[in-house]
N, C-alpha and C. Protein backbone atom coordinates (compact mmCIF):
# COMPACT_ATOMS: atom_id res chain seq x y z
N UNK A 1 92.46 55.52 168.25
CA UNK A 1 93.82 56.06 168.13
C UNK A 1 94.61 55.79 169.40
N UNK A 2 95.91 55.54 169.21
CA UNK A 2 96.82 55.36 170.33
C UNK A 2 97.83 56.50 170.35
N UNK A 3 98.22 56.86 171.55
CA UNK A 3 99.20 57.93 171.75
C UNK A 3 100.48 57.30 172.29
N UNK A 4 101.56 57.33 171.50
CA UNK A 4 102.86 56.82 171.94
C UNK A 4 103.72 58.04 172.27
N UNK A 5 104.12 58.15 173.53
CA UNK A 5 104.86 59.31 174.01
C UNK A 5 106.29 58.92 174.33
N UNK A 6 107.25 59.56 173.67
CA UNK A 6 108.65 59.37 174.02
C UNK A 6 109.09 60.51 174.92
N UNK A 7 109.78 60.18 176.02
CA UNK A 7 110.23 61.23 176.93
C UNK A 7 111.70 61.57 176.69
N UNK A 8 111.99 62.86 176.85
CA UNK A 8 113.35 63.35 176.67
C UNK A 8 113.36 64.86 176.84
N UNK A 9 114.50 65.45 176.58
CA UNK A 9 114.64 66.90 176.61
C UNK A 9 114.91 67.41 175.21
N UNK A 10 114.31 68.54 174.81
CA UNK A 10 114.50 69.06 173.45
C UNK A 10 115.88 69.68 173.26
N UNK A 11 116.34 69.69 172.03
CA UNK A 11 117.61 70.34 171.72
C UNK A 11 118.71 69.34 171.44
N UNK A 12 119.62 69.74 170.55
CA UNK A 12 120.68 68.83 170.12
C UNK A 12 121.65 68.46 171.24
N UNK A 13 121.82 69.32 172.24
CA UNK A 13 122.77 69.03 173.31
C UNK A 13 122.32 67.85 174.17
N UNK A 14 121.02 67.55 174.13
CA UNK A 14 120.50 66.43 174.92
C UNK A 14 120.23 65.18 174.07
N UNK A 15 120.41 65.28 172.77
CA UNK A 15 119.91 64.25 171.86
C UNK A 15 120.39 62.84 172.17
N UNK A 16 121.64 62.68 172.63
CA UNK A 16 122.19 61.35 172.89
C UNK A 16 122.25 61.03 174.38
N UNK A 17 121.60 61.86 175.20
CA UNK A 17 121.56 61.59 176.64
C UNK A 17 120.82 60.30 176.96
N UNK A 18 121.20 59.65 178.05
CA UNK A 18 120.45 58.48 178.51
C UNK A 18 118.99 58.84 178.79
N UNK A 19 118.77 60.05 179.28
CA UNK A 19 117.41 60.51 179.61
C UNK A 19 116.53 60.61 178.36
N UNK A 20 117.14 60.60 177.18
CA UNK A 20 116.40 60.79 175.93
C UNK A 20 116.12 59.49 175.19
N UNK A 21 116.28 58.36 175.83
CA UNK A 21 116.06 57.09 175.14
C UNK A 21 114.59 56.96 174.69
N UNK A 22 113.68 57.64 175.39
CA UNK A 22 112.27 57.63 174.95
C UNK A 22 112.08 58.32 173.61
N UNK A 23 112.77 59.46 173.41
CA UNK A 23 112.76 60.14 172.11
C UNK A 23 113.32 59.19 171.03
N UNK A 24 114.43 58.54 171.36
CA UNK A 24 115.08 57.64 170.40
C UNK A 24 114.14 56.51 169.97
N UNK A 25 113.36 56.00 170.92
CA UNK A 25 112.45 54.89 170.62
C UNK A 25 111.37 55.30 169.64
N UNK A 26 110.73 56.46 169.87
CA UNK A 26 109.66 56.86 168.95
C UNK A 26 110.23 57.33 167.62
N UNK A 27 111.44 57.86 167.63
CA UNK A 27 112.10 58.21 166.36
C UNK A 27 112.30 56.95 165.51
N UNK A 28 112.73 55.87 166.13
CA UNK A 28 112.96 54.64 165.40
C UNK A 28 111.64 54.07 164.87
N UNK A 29 110.58 54.13 165.67
CA UNK A 29 109.27 53.66 165.21
C UNK A 29 108.81 54.46 164.00
N UNK A 30 108.96 55.80 164.08
CA UNK A 30 108.54 56.66 162.98
C UNK A 30 109.30 56.33 161.70
N UNK A 31 110.60 56.12 161.83
CA UNK A 31 111.43 55.84 160.65
C UNK A 31 111.12 54.48 160.04
N UNK A 32 111.01 53.46 160.88
CA UNK A 32 110.82 52.10 160.38
C UNK A 32 109.43 51.85 159.82
N UNK A 33 108.43 52.57 160.33
CA UNK A 33 107.04 52.29 159.95
C UNK A 33 106.43 53.36 159.05
N UNK A 34 107.26 54.22 158.49
CA UNK A 34 106.79 55.17 157.49
C UNK A 34 105.80 56.21 158.00
N UNK A 35 106.02 56.71 159.20
CA UNK A 35 105.12 57.76 159.73
C UNK A 35 105.34 59.06 158.96
N UNK A 36 104.33 59.93 159.04
CA UNK A 36 104.41 61.23 158.37
C UNK A 36 105.48 62.11 159.00
N UNK A 37 105.73 63.28 158.40
CA UNK A 37 106.77 64.17 158.92
C UNK A 37 106.40 64.71 160.31
N UNK A 38 107.43 65.02 161.08
CA UNK A 38 107.20 65.59 162.41
C UNK A 38 106.68 67.02 162.27
N UNK A 39 105.64 67.33 163.05
CA UNK A 39 105.04 68.66 163.06
C UNK A 39 104.97 69.17 164.49
N UNK A 40 104.87 70.48 164.63
CA UNK A 40 104.80 71.09 165.96
C UNK A 40 103.36 71.37 166.36
N UNK A 41 102.94 70.82 167.47
CA UNK A 41 101.60 71.04 168.00
C UNK A 41 101.56 70.55 169.44
N UNK A 42 100.69 71.13 170.25
CA UNK A 42 100.53 70.72 171.66
C UNK A 42 101.86 70.84 172.43
N UNK A 43 102.69 71.83 172.12
CA UNK A 43 104.00 71.99 172.76
C UNK A 43 104.85 70.72 172.58
N UNK A 44 104.72 70.12 171.42
CA UNK A 44 105.41 68.85 171.16
C UNK A 44 105.69 68.71 169.68
N UNK A 45 106.50 67.73 169.34
CA UNK A 45 106.66 67.29 167.96
C UNK A 45 105.80 66.06 167.77
N UNK A 46 105.01 66.05 166.69
CA UNK A 46 104.07 64.96 166.44
C UNK A 46 104.32 64.33 165.09
N UNK A 47 104.07 63.02 165.01
CA UNK A 47 104.10 62.31 163.73
C UNK A 47 102.96 61.31 163.73
N UNK A 48 102.20 61.27 162.64
CA UNK A 48 101.05 60.36 162.55
C UNK A 48 101.36 59.20 161.61
N UNK A 49 100.79 58.05 161.94
CA UNK A 49 100.96 56.89 161.09
C UNK A 49 100.07 55.76 161.56
N UNK A 50 100.34 54.57 161.04
CA UNK A 50 99.55 53.39 161.40
C UNK A 50 100.48 52.26 161.79
N UNK A 51 100.04 51.53 162.79
CA UNK A 51 100.71 50.30 163.19
C UNK A 51 99.65 49.21 163.14
N UNK A 52 99.72 48.36 162.12
CA UNK A 52 98.66 47.37 161.94
C UNK A 52 97.35 48.08 161.63
N UNK A 53 96.31 47.75 162.40
CA UNK A 53 94.99 48.36 162.19
C UNK A 53 94.81 49.64 162.99
N UNK A 54 95.81 50.00 163.79
CA UNK A 54 95.66 51.14 164.69
C UNK A 54 96.29 52.40 164.12
N UNK A 55 95.56 53.51 164.23
CA UNK A 55 96.15 54.81 163.96
C UNK A 55 96.91 55.23 165.22
N UNK A 56 98.14 55.69 165.03
CA UNK A 56 99.00 56.01 166.17
C UNK A 56 99.58 57.41 165.99
N UNK A 57 99.58 58.17 167.07
CA UNK A 57 100.20 59.48 167.11
C UNK A 57 101.44 59.40 168.00
N UNK A 58 102.60 59.66 167.42
CA UNK A 58 103.84 59.71 168.19
C UNK A 58 104.06 61.13 168.68
N UNK A 59 104.46 61.25 169.94
CA UNK A 59 104.65 62.57 170.54
C UNK A 59 106.00 62.66 171.24
N UNK A 60 106.70 63.75 170.99
CA UNK A 60 107.92 64.07 171.74
C UNK A 60 107.72 65.45 172.38
N UNK A 61 107.35 65.51 173.66
CA UNK A 61 107.12 66.80 174.31
C UNK A 61 108.37 67.69 174.22
N UNK A 62 108.15 68.97 173.94
CA UNK A 62 109.25 69.93 173.82
C UNK A 62 109.27 70.90 175.01
N UNK A 63 108.68 70.48 176.10
CA UNK A 63 108.54 71.34 177.28
C UNK A 63 109.64 71.10 178.31
N UNK A 64 110.61 70.26 178.02
CA UNK A 64 111.57 69.72 178.96
C UNK A 64 110.88 68.68 179.85
N UNK A 65 111.70 67.78 180.34
CA UNK A 65 111.21 66.57 180.99
C UNK A 65 110.18 66.83 182.10
N UNK A 66 110.48 67.77 182.97
CA UNK A 66 109.62 67.92 184.16
C UNK A 66 108.27 68.57 183.88
N UNK A 67 107.99 68.92 182.61
CA UNK A 67 106.66 69.44 182.24
C UNK A 67 106.05 68.65 181.09
N UNK A 68 106.50 67.43 180.92
CA UNK A 68 106.04 66.59 179.80
C UNK A 68 104.53 66.39 179.78
N UNK A 69 103.93 66.35 180.95
CA UNK A 69 102.50 66.09 181.05
C UNK A 69 101.63 67.14 180.39
N UNK A 70 102.14 68.36 180.24
CA UNK A 70 101.34 69.42 179.63
C UNK A 70 100.96 69.06 178.20
N UNK A 71 101.95 68.68 177.39
CA UNK A 71 101.66 68.38 175.99
C UNK A 71 100.88 67.07 175.85
N UNK A 72 101.19 66.10 176.71
CA UNK A 72 100.46 64.82 176.65
C UNK A 72 98.98 65.06 176.97
N UNK A 73 98.72 65.86 177.99
CA UNK A 73 97.33 66.16 178.36
C UNK A 73 96.60 66.91 177.28
N UNK A 74 97.26 67.87 176.63
CA UNK A 74 96.62 68.63 175.55
C UNK A 74 96.24 67.72 174.39
N UNK A 75 97.17 66.87 173.98
CA UNK A 75 96.90 65.97 172.86
C UNK A 75 95.79 64.99 173.19
N UNK A 76 95.81 64.46 174.39
CA UNK A 76 94.80 63.48 174.80
C UNK A 76 93.41 64.09 174.79
N UNK A 77 93.30 65.31 175.29
CA UNK A 77 91.99 65.97 175.33
C UNK A 77 91.52 66.35 173.92
N UNK A 78 92.45 66.80 173.08
CA UNK A 78 92.09 67.21 171.72
C UNK A 78 91.49 66.03 170.94
N UNK A 79 92.10 64.87 171.08
CA UNK A 79 91.63 63.69 170.34
C UNK A 79 90.61 62.86 171.12
N UNK A 80 90.19 63.40 172.28
CA UNK A 80 89.17 62.74 173.12
C UNK A 80 89.57 61.30 173.45
N UNK A 81 90.80 61.16 173.90
CA UNK A 81 91.32 59.85 174.27
C UNK A 81 91.29 59.67 175.78
N UNK A 82 91.36 58.43 176.19
CA UNK A 82 91.45 58.09 177.60
C UNK A 82 92.91 57.85 177.96
N UNK A 83 93.25 57.96 179.22
CA UNK A 83 94.64 57.74 179.62
C UNK A 83 95.10 56.32 179.28
N UNK A 84 94.18 55.37 179.20
CA UNK A 84 94.55 53.99 178.85
C UNK A 84 94.97 53.85 177.39
N UNK A 85 94.74 54.91 176.58
CA UNK A 85 95.19 54.91 175.19
C UNK A 85 96.62 55.41 175.05
N UNK A 86 97.22 55.78 176.17
CA UNK A 86 98.55 56.40 176.16
C UNK A 86 99.61 55.38 176.60
N UNK A 87 100.70 55.31 175.84
CA UNK A 87 101.86 54.50 176.22
C UNK A 87 103.08 55.41 176.22
N UNK A 88 103.81 55.42 177.33
CA UNK A 88 104.97 56.30 177.50
C UNK A 88 106.26 55.47 177.48
N UNK A 89 107.20 55.88 176.65
CA UNK A 89 108.52 55.25 176.56
C UNK A 89 109.51 56.10 177.35
N UNK A 90 110.16 55.51 178.32
CA UNK A 90 111.04 56.31 179.18
C UNK A 90 112.24 55.52 179.67
N UNK A 91 113.27 56.24 180.09
CA UNK A 91 114.46 55.64 180.67
C UNK A 91 114.14 55.09 182.06
N UNK A 92 114.78 53.97 182.41
CA UNK A 92 114.50 53.32 183.69
C UNK A 92 115.81 52.96 184.39
N UNK A 93 116.08 53.66 185.50
CA UNK A 93 117.29 53.42 186.27
C UNK A 93 117.32 52.05 186.94
N UNK A 94 116.15 51.53 187.27
CA UNK A 94 116.07 50.28 188.03
C UNK A 94 116.14 49.03 187.15
N UNK A 95 116.39 49.20 185.86
CA UNK A 95 116.60 48.06 184.97
C UNK A 95 118.01 48.15 184.38
N UNK A 96 118.65 47.00 184.24
CA UNK A 96 119.99 46.96 183.65
C UNK A 96 119.95 47.46 182.21
N UNK A 97 121.05 48.01 181.73
CA UNK A 97 121.09 48.45 180.34
C UNK A 97 120.71 47.31 179.39
N UNK A 98 119.82 47.63 178.45
CA UNK A 98 119.38 46.63 177.48
C UNK A 98 118.13 45.88 177.87
N UNK A 99 117.69 46.01 179.12
CA UNK A 99 116.46 45.35 179.55
C UNK A 99 115.26 46.23 179.25
N UNK A 100 114.15 45.60 178.89
CA UNK A 100 112.92 46.32 178.57
C UNK A 100 111.77 45.64 179.31
N UNK A 101 110.87 46.44 179.86
CA UNK A 101 109.70 45.90 180.54
C UNK A 101 108.48 46.76 180.20
N UNK A 102 107.32 46.11 180.14
CA UNK A 102 106.05 46.82 179.93
C UNK A 102 105.32 46.86 181.26
N UNK A 103 104.71 47.98 181.55
CA UNK A 103 104.01 48.15 182.82
C UNK A 103 102.72 48.93 182.59
N UNK A 104 101.65 48.53 183.25
CA UNK A 104 100.38 49.25 183.19
C UNK A 104 100.15 49.96 184.52
N UNK A 105 100.05 51.28 184.48
CA UNK A 105 99.80 52.04 185.69
C UNK A 105 100.97 51.98 186.66
N UNK A 106 100.71 52.42 187.89
CA UNK A 106 101.74 52.39 188.93
C UNK A 106 102.29 53.75 189.24
N UNK A 107 103.32 53.77 190.09
CA UNK A 107 103.91 55.03 190.53
C UNK A 107 104.92 55.56 189.52
N UNK A 108 105.46 56.76 189.85
CA UNK A 108 106.43 57.38 188.94
C UNK A 108 107.87 57.13 189.36
N UNK A 109 108.08 56.59 190.58
CA UNK A 109 109.42 56.23 191.08
C UNK A 109 110.41 57.38 190.99
N UNK A 110 109.91 58.61 191.15
CA UNK A 110 110.79 59.77 191.13
C UNK A 110 111.18 60.27 189.76
N UNK A 111 110.67 59.65 188.71
CA UNK A 111 110.99 60.10 187.34
C UNK A 111 110.21 61.38 187.06
N UNK A 112 110.90 62.47 186.76
CA UNK A 112 110.24 63.77 186.61
C UNK A 112 109.24 63.80 185.46
N UNK A 113 109.54 63.13 184.38
CA UNK A 113 108.61 63.09 183.26
C UNK A 113 107.33 62.37 183.62
N UNK A 114 107.46 61.21 184.26
CA UNK A 114 106.28 60.46 184.67
C UNK A 114 105.49 61.21 185.74
N UNK A 115 106.18 61.87 186.64
CA UNK A 115 105.49 62.64 187.68
C UNK A 115 104.59 63.70 187.05
N UNK A 116 105.11 64.38 186.04
CA UNK A 116 104.33 65.41 185.36
C UNK A 116 103.13 64.80 184.64
N UNK A 117 103.32 63.67 183.98
CA UNK A 117 102.21 63.02 183.28
C UNK A 117 101.16 62.54 184.28
N UNK A 118 101.60 62.02 185.42
CA UNK A 118 100.66 61.64 186.48
C UNK A 118 99.74 62.82 186.82
N UNK A 119 100.34 63.99 186.96
CA UNK A 119 99.58 65.17 187.39
C UNK A 119 98.57 65.61 186.34
N UNK A 120 98.87 65.38 185.07
CA UNK A 120 98.01 65.89 184.00
C UNK A 120 96.99 64.89 183.47
N UNK A 121 97.29 63.59 183.53
CA UNK A 121 96.33 62.63 182.95
C UNK A 121 95.98 61.48 183.89
N UNK A 122 96.55 61.43 185.09
CA UNK A 122 96.37 60.34 186.06
C UNK A 122 97.43 59.27 185.84
N UNK A 123 97.60 58.34 186.79
CA UNK A 123 98.62 57.29 186.64
C UNK A 123 98.17 56.13 185.74
N UNK A 124 96.95 56.17 185.24
CA UNK A 124 96.38 55.02 184.52
C UNK A 124 96.77 55.02 183.04
N UNK A 125 98.07 54.91 182.77
CA UNK A 125 98.56 54.81 181.40
C UNK A 125 99.64 53.72 181.37
N UNK A 126 99.96 53.26 180.18
CA UNK A 126 100.96 52.20 180.04
C UNK A 126 102.35 52.80 179.88
N UNK A 127 103.35 52.01 180.27
CA UNK A 127 104.73 52.48 180.11
C UNK A 127 105.57 51.38 179.48
N UNK A 128 106.56 51.79 178.72
CA UNK A 128 107.62 50.89 178.26
C UNK A 128 108.89 51.39 178.94
N UNK A 129 109.38 50.59 179.88
CA UNK A 129 110.54 50.97 180.69
C UNK A 129 111.80 50.48 179.99
N UNK A 130 112.66 51.41 179.62
CA UNK A 130 113.87 51.12 178.86
C UNK A 130 115.07 51.25 179.78
N UNK A 131 115.65 50.10 180.15
CA UNK A 131 116.71 50.09 181.15
C UNK A 131 117.97 50.81 180.71
N UNK A 132 118.50 51.66 181.60
CA UNK A 132 119.78 52.33 181.36
C UNK A 132 120.77 52.06 182.48
N UNK A 133 120.33 51.31 183.51
CA UNK A 133 121.22 51.04 184.63
C UNK A 133 121.28 52.21 185.61
N UNK A 134 121.90 51.97 186.76
CA UNK A 134 122.00 52.98 187.83
C UNK A 134 123.46 53.28 188.08
N UNK A 135 123.82 54.54 188.31
CA UNK A 135 125.23 54.87 188.54
C UNK A 135 125.76 54.40 189.89
N UNK A 136 124.86 53.98 190.78
CA UNK A 136 125.31 53.43 192.06
C UNK A 136 125.00 54.28 193.28
N UNK A 137 125.05 55.61 193.12
CA UNK A 137 124.75 56.49 194.25
C UNK A 137 123.75 57.55 193.81
N UNK A 138 122.88 57.94 194.74
CA UNK A 138 121.79 58.86 194.42
C UNK A 138 122.29 60.18 193.86
N UNK A 139 123.39 60.69 194.43
CA UNK A 139 123.88 62.00 193.99
C UNK A 139 124.47 61.97 192.58
N UNK A 140 124.70 60.77 192.05
CA UNK A 140 125.24 60.65 190.70
C UNK A 140 124.16 60.51 189.63
N UNK A 141 122.90 60.37 190.06
CA UNK A 141 121.83 60.08 189.11
C UNK A 141 121.66 61.20 188.08
N UNK A 142 121.58 62.45 188.53
CA UNK A 142 121.32 63.55 187.60
C UNK A 142 122.41 63.67 186.54
N UNK A 143 123.70 63.73 186.92
CA UNK A 143 124.72 63.81 185.86
C UNK A 143 124.76 62.55 184.98
N UNK A 144 124.39 61.42 185.55
CA UNK A 144 124.41 60.17 184.78
C UNK A 144 123.34 60.19 183.68
N UNK A 145 122.09 60.53 184.03
CA UNK A 145 121.02 60.49 183.03
C UNK A 145 121.17 61.61 182.00
N UNK A 146 121.85 62.70 182.40
CA UNK A 146 122.04 63.82 181.47
C UNK A 146 123.38 63.73 180.74
N UNK A 147 124.01 62.57 180.79
CA UNK A 147 125.22 62.31 180.02
C UNK A 147 124.87 61.43 178.81
N UNK A 148 125.68 61.54 177.78
CA UNK A 148 125.45 60.73 176.58
C UNK A 148 125.74 59.25 176.84
N UNK A 149 125.09 58.40 176.08
CA UNK A 149 125.44 56.98 176.10
C UNK A 149 126.90 56.84 175.67
N UNK A 150 127.60 55.89 176.29
CA UNK A 150 128.98 55.62 175.92
C UNK A 150 129.04 54.88 174.59
N UNK A 151 130.20 54.95 173.94
CA UNK A 151 130.37 54.24 172.67
C UNK A 151 130.13 52.74 172.86
N UNK A 152 130.51 52.23 174.03
CA UNK A 152 130.35 50.80 174.31
C UNK A 152 128.88 50.39 174.39
N UNK A 153 127.99 51.36 174.54
CA UNK A 153 126.56 51.07 174.64
C UNK A 153 125.89 50.94 173.27
N UNK A 154 126.61 51.26 172.21
CA UNK A 154 125.98 51.40 170.89
C UNK A 154 125.27 50.13 170.44
N UNK A 155 125.88 48.97 170.64
CA UNK A 155 125.29 47.73 170.12
C UNK A 155 124.00 47.36 170.83
N UNK A 156 124.03 47.34 172.17
CA UNK A 156 122.81 46.96 172.88
C UNK A 156 121.72 48.01 172.70
N UNK A 157 122.10 49.28 172.61
CA UNK A 157 121.10 50.34 172.42
C UNK A 157 120.40 50.17 171.07
N UNK A 158 121.17 49.88 170.04
CA UNK A 158 120.58 49.67 168.72
C UNK A 158 119.64 48.46 168.73
N UNK A 159 120.05 47.39 169.41
CA UNK A 159 119.19 46.20 169.50
C UNK A 159 117.87 46.52 170.20
N UNK A 160 117.95 47.28 171.29
CA UNK A 160 116.73 47.65 172.03
C UNK A 160 115.80 48.48 171.15
N UNK A 161 116.34 49.49 170.50
CA UNK A 161 115.49 50.37 169.68
C UNK A 161 114.87 49.61 168.51
N UNK A 162 115.63 48.73 167.89
CA UNK A 162 115.09 47.92 166.80
C UNK A 162 114.02 46.96 167.30
N UNK A 163 114.26 46.37 168.47
CA UNK A 163 113.28 45.46 169.05
C UNK A 163 111.98 46.17 169.40
N UNK A 164 112.08 47.36 169.97
CA UNK A 164 110.89 48.15 170.30
C UNK A 164 110.11 48.47 169.03
N UNK A 165 110.83 48.84 167.98
CA UNK A 165 110.17 49.14 166.71
C UNK A 165 109.53 47.90 166.10
N UNK A 166 110.24 46.76 166.16
CA UNK A 166 109.68 45.50 165.64
C UNK A 166 108.36 45.16 166.31
N UNK A 167 108.28 45.41 167.62
CA UNK A 167 107.09 45.02 168.37
C UNK A 167 106.04 46.10 168.52
N UNK A 168 106.26 47.26 167.90
CA UNK A 168 105.36 48.40 168.11
C UNK A 168 103.92 48.08 167.72
N UNK A 169 103.73 47.31 166.65
CA UNK A 169 102.38 46.95 166.22
C UNK A 169 101.64 46.14 167.28
N UNK A 170 102.34 45.20 167.91
CA UNK A 170 101.73 44.42 168.99
C UNK A 170 101.36 45.32 170.16
N UNK A 171 102.24 46.28 170.45
CA UNK A 171 101.98 47.20 171.55
C UNK A 171 100.72 48.02 171.27
N UNK A 172 100.57 48.48 170.04
CA UNK A 172 99.38 49.26 169.66
C UNK A 172 98.11 48.42 169.80
N UNK A 173 98.24 47.12 169.59
CA UNK A 173 97.09 46.22 169.73
C UNK A 173 96.86 45.77 171.17
N UNK A 174 97.72 46.22 172.07
CA UNK A 174 97.55 45.86 173.48
C UNK A 174 98.11 44.51 173.85
N UNK A 175 98.97 43.93 173.01
CA UNK A 175 99.54 42.62 173.29
C UNK A 175 100.98 42.77 173.78
N UNK A 176 101.11 43.00 175.08
CA UNK A 176 102.43 43.21 175.67
C UNK A 176 103.33 41.99 175.56
N UNK A 177 102.74 40.80 175.60
CA UNK A 177 103.53 39.58 175.52
C UNK A 177 104.24 39.44 174.19
N UNK A 178 103.51 39.67 173.10
CA UNK A 178 104.12 39.57 171.77
C UNK A 178 105.12 40.71 171.56
N UNK A 179 104.84 41.86 172.13
CA UNK A 179 105.80 42.96 172.06
C UNK A 179 107.12 42.56 172.71
N UNK A 180 107.04 41.97 173.91
CA UNK A 180 108.26 41.56 174.61
C UNK A 180 109.00 40.47 173.84
N UNK A 181 108.26 39.59 173.18
CA UNK A 181 108.91 38.55 172.36
C UNK A 181 109.70 39.18 171.22
N UNK A 182 109.11 40.20 170.59
CA UNK A 182 109.80 40.88 169.49
C UNK A 182 111.07 41.56 169.98
N UNK A 183 111.01 42.16 171.15
CA UNK A 183 112.20 42.80 171.73
C UNK A 183 113.27 41.74 172.02
N UNK A 184 112.83 40.63 172.60
CA UNK A 184 113.78 39.57 172.97
C UNK A 184 114.49 38.98 171.76
N UNK A 185 113.81 38.91 170.62
CA UNK A 185 114.44 38.38 169.42
C UNK A 185 115.60 39.26 168.95
N UNK A 186 115.57 40.52 169.33
CA UNK A 186 116.68 41.43 169.01
C UNK A 186 117.74 41.43 170.11
N UNK A 187 117.30 41.47 171.37
CA UNK A 187 118.24 41.65 172.48
C UNK A 187 118.80 40.34 173.01
N UNK A 188 118.07 39.24 172.83
CA UNK A 188 118.54 37.94 173.32
C UNK A 188 118.09 36.86 172.35
N UNK A 189 118.60 36.88 171.11
CA UNK A 189 118.15 35.90 170.11
C UNK A 189 118.50 34.48 170.53
N UNK A 190 117.66 33.51 170.17
CA UNK A 190 117.97 32.12 170.52
C UNK A 190 119.25 31.67 169.86
N UNK A 191 120.01 30.88 170.59
CA UNK A 191 121.27 30.38 170.06
C UNK A 191 121.01 29.25 169.06
N UNK A 192 121.72 29.30 167.95
CA UNK A 192 121.61 28.22 166.98
C UNK A 192 122.76 27.26 167.21
N UNK A 193 122.52 25.96 167.01
CA UNK A 193 123.59 24.98 167.21
C UNK A 193 124.68 25.21 166.19
N UNK A 194 125.93 25.03 166.60
CA UNK A 194 127.05 25.30 165.70
C UNK A 194 127.03 24.40 164.47
N UNK A 195 126.71 23.14 164.67
CA UNK A 195 126.62 22.22 163.54
C UNK A 195 125.78 21.05 163.92
N UNK A 196 125.05 20.52 162.95
CA UNK A 196 124.21 19.36 163.25
C UNK A 196 125.08 18.13 163.32
N UNK A 197 124.76 17.20 164.23
CA UNK A 197 125.59 16.01 164.36
C UNK A 197 125.61 15.21 163.07
N UNK A 198 126.80 14.75 162.70
CA UNK A 198 126.97 13.98 161.48
C UNK A 198 126.91 12.49 161.79
N UNK A 199 126.31 11.68 160.92
CA UNK A 199 126.29 10.24 161.15
C UNK A 199 127.70 9.68 161.07
N UNK A 200 127.96 8.63 161.83
CA UNK A 200 129.28 8.02 161.81
C UNK A 200 129.60 7.52 160.42
N UNK A 201 130.79 7.88 159.94
CA UNK A 201 131.22 7.44 158.62
C UNK A 201 131.99 6.14 158.75
N UNK A 202 131.82 5.20 157.78
CA UNK A 202 132.60 3.97 157.84
C UNK A 202 134.07 4.26 157.59
N UNK A 203 134.93 3.49 158.22
CA UNK A 203 136.37 3.68 158.03
C UNK A 203 136.72 3.42 156.57
N UNK A 204 137.69 4.22 156.07
CA UNK A 204 138.06 4.06 154.68
C UNK A 204 138.63 2.67 154.40
N UNK A 205 139.48 2.10 155.31
CA UNK A 205 140.07 0.77 155.14
C UNK A 205 139.74 -0.07 156.37
N UNK A 206 138.54 -0.56 156.44
CA UNK A 206 138.16 -1.30 157.63
C UNK A 206 139.01 -2.55 157.80
N UNK A 207 139.29 -2.89 159.04
CA UNK A 207 140.09 -4.09 159.33
C UNK A 207 139.26 -5.33 158.97
N UNK A 208 139.89 -6.33 158.39
CA UNK A 208 139.13 -7.53 158.03
C UNK A 208 138.62 -8.25 159.26
N UNK A 209 137.44 -8.83 159.13
CA UNK A 209 136.89 -9.57 160.27
C UNK A 209 137.71 -10.83 160.50
N UNK A 210 137.95 -11.17 161.77
CA UNK A 210 138.75 -12.38 162.06
C UNK A 210 138.03 -13.62 161.53
N UNK A 211 138.84 -14.57 160.95
CA UNK A 211 138.26 -15.81 160.45
C UNK A 211 137.84 -16.71 161.61
N UNK A 212 136.75 -17.43 161.41
CA UNK A 212 136.25 -18.34 162.44
C UNK A 212 136.88 -19.72 162.24
N UNK A 213 137.56 -20.23 163.26
CA UNK A 213 138.18 -21.56 163.20
C UNK A 213 137.18 -22.58 163.72
N UNK A 214 136.55 -23.34 162.79
CA UNK A 214 135.52 -24.28 163.20
C UNK A 214 136.02 -25.73 163.25
N UNK A 215 137.39 -25.90 163.28
CA UNK A 215 137.91 -27.26 163.38
C UNK A 215 137.68 -27.84 164.77
N UNK A 216 137.58 -29.18 164.83
CA UNK A 216 137.43 -29.84 166.13
C UNK A 216 138.79 -29.87 166.82
N UNK A 217 138.80 -30.12 168.10
CA UNK A 217 140.05 -30.18 168.85
C UNK A 217 140.97 -31.26 168.30
N UNK A 218 140.42 -32.43 167.92
CA UNK A 218 141.22 -33.52 167.38
C UNK A 218 141.87 -33.10 166.06
N UNK A 219 141.06 -32.36 165.21
CA UNK A 219 141.59 -31.94 163.92
C UNK A 219 142.73 -30.95 164.09
N UNK A 220 142.58 -30.06 165.07
CA UNK A 220 143.63 -29.09 165.33
C UNK A 220 144.92 -29.78 165.74
N UNK A 221 144.80 -30.88 166.59
CA UNK A 221 145.97 -31.61 167.06
C UNK A 221 146.65 -32.32 165.90
N UNK A 222 145.84 -32.98 165.02
CA UNK A 222 146.41 -33.68 163.89
C UNK A 222 147.13 -32.70 162.94
N UNK A 223 146.51 -31.52 162.74
CA UNK A 223 147.09 -30.56 161.83
C UNK A 223 148.44 -30.04 162.31
N UNK A 224 148.66 -30.06 163.65
CA UNK A 224 149.92 -29.59 164.19
C UNK A 224 151.10 -30.46 163.74
N UNK A 225 150.82 -31.73 163.49
CA UNK A 225 151.90 -32.68 163.19
C UNK A 225 152.01 -32.98 161.69
N UNK A 226 151.36 -32.23 160.88
CA UNK A 226 151.46 -32.43 159.44
C UNK A 226 152.81 -31.90 158.95
């Protein structure tokens, strides 16, 4: 079994916050892949389903961001899973909006949700970093992440969430490369040529070929005086 954890804050007032893009990602996976209904357990909302050959449990901690590790740790211990079976979807200030990266282990970079998970299950888990951009100054970070996505963000956000859902099966199988390819097909699809080159068409009224004058010089001179 794999544990896919979306990070965010519970409640409708936070639902469209940038900080809740992790919730949005697992919601999209649940909807697109026919997961069971959300249930309350482990201080979280849970949905069970399958991605390819893998059984997957989606989790949205309801403890608020800075205590996310409590519910993740409870679920992991209940199902006797290792931290390497856990993948966390979270907002990432250090990536431009629309960028997605997969990371195994590492630090929490000041992210309160990741810090809490570090404390409860160790840093040895996978992450899907969902870029939201940086407001530019440190003191603006908190109001920025706790603000809703702008209307102008709707298109790229939808592409990211669809791409994450498209590649979720690869992620469950541990194939980060194929997962990233699936995301890229949504966020940066290959350009198709506008039109294939057409073969040159013959002119409708081609000019007649010049006649070849094969007379000798003497014949040309005699013909002048006829």
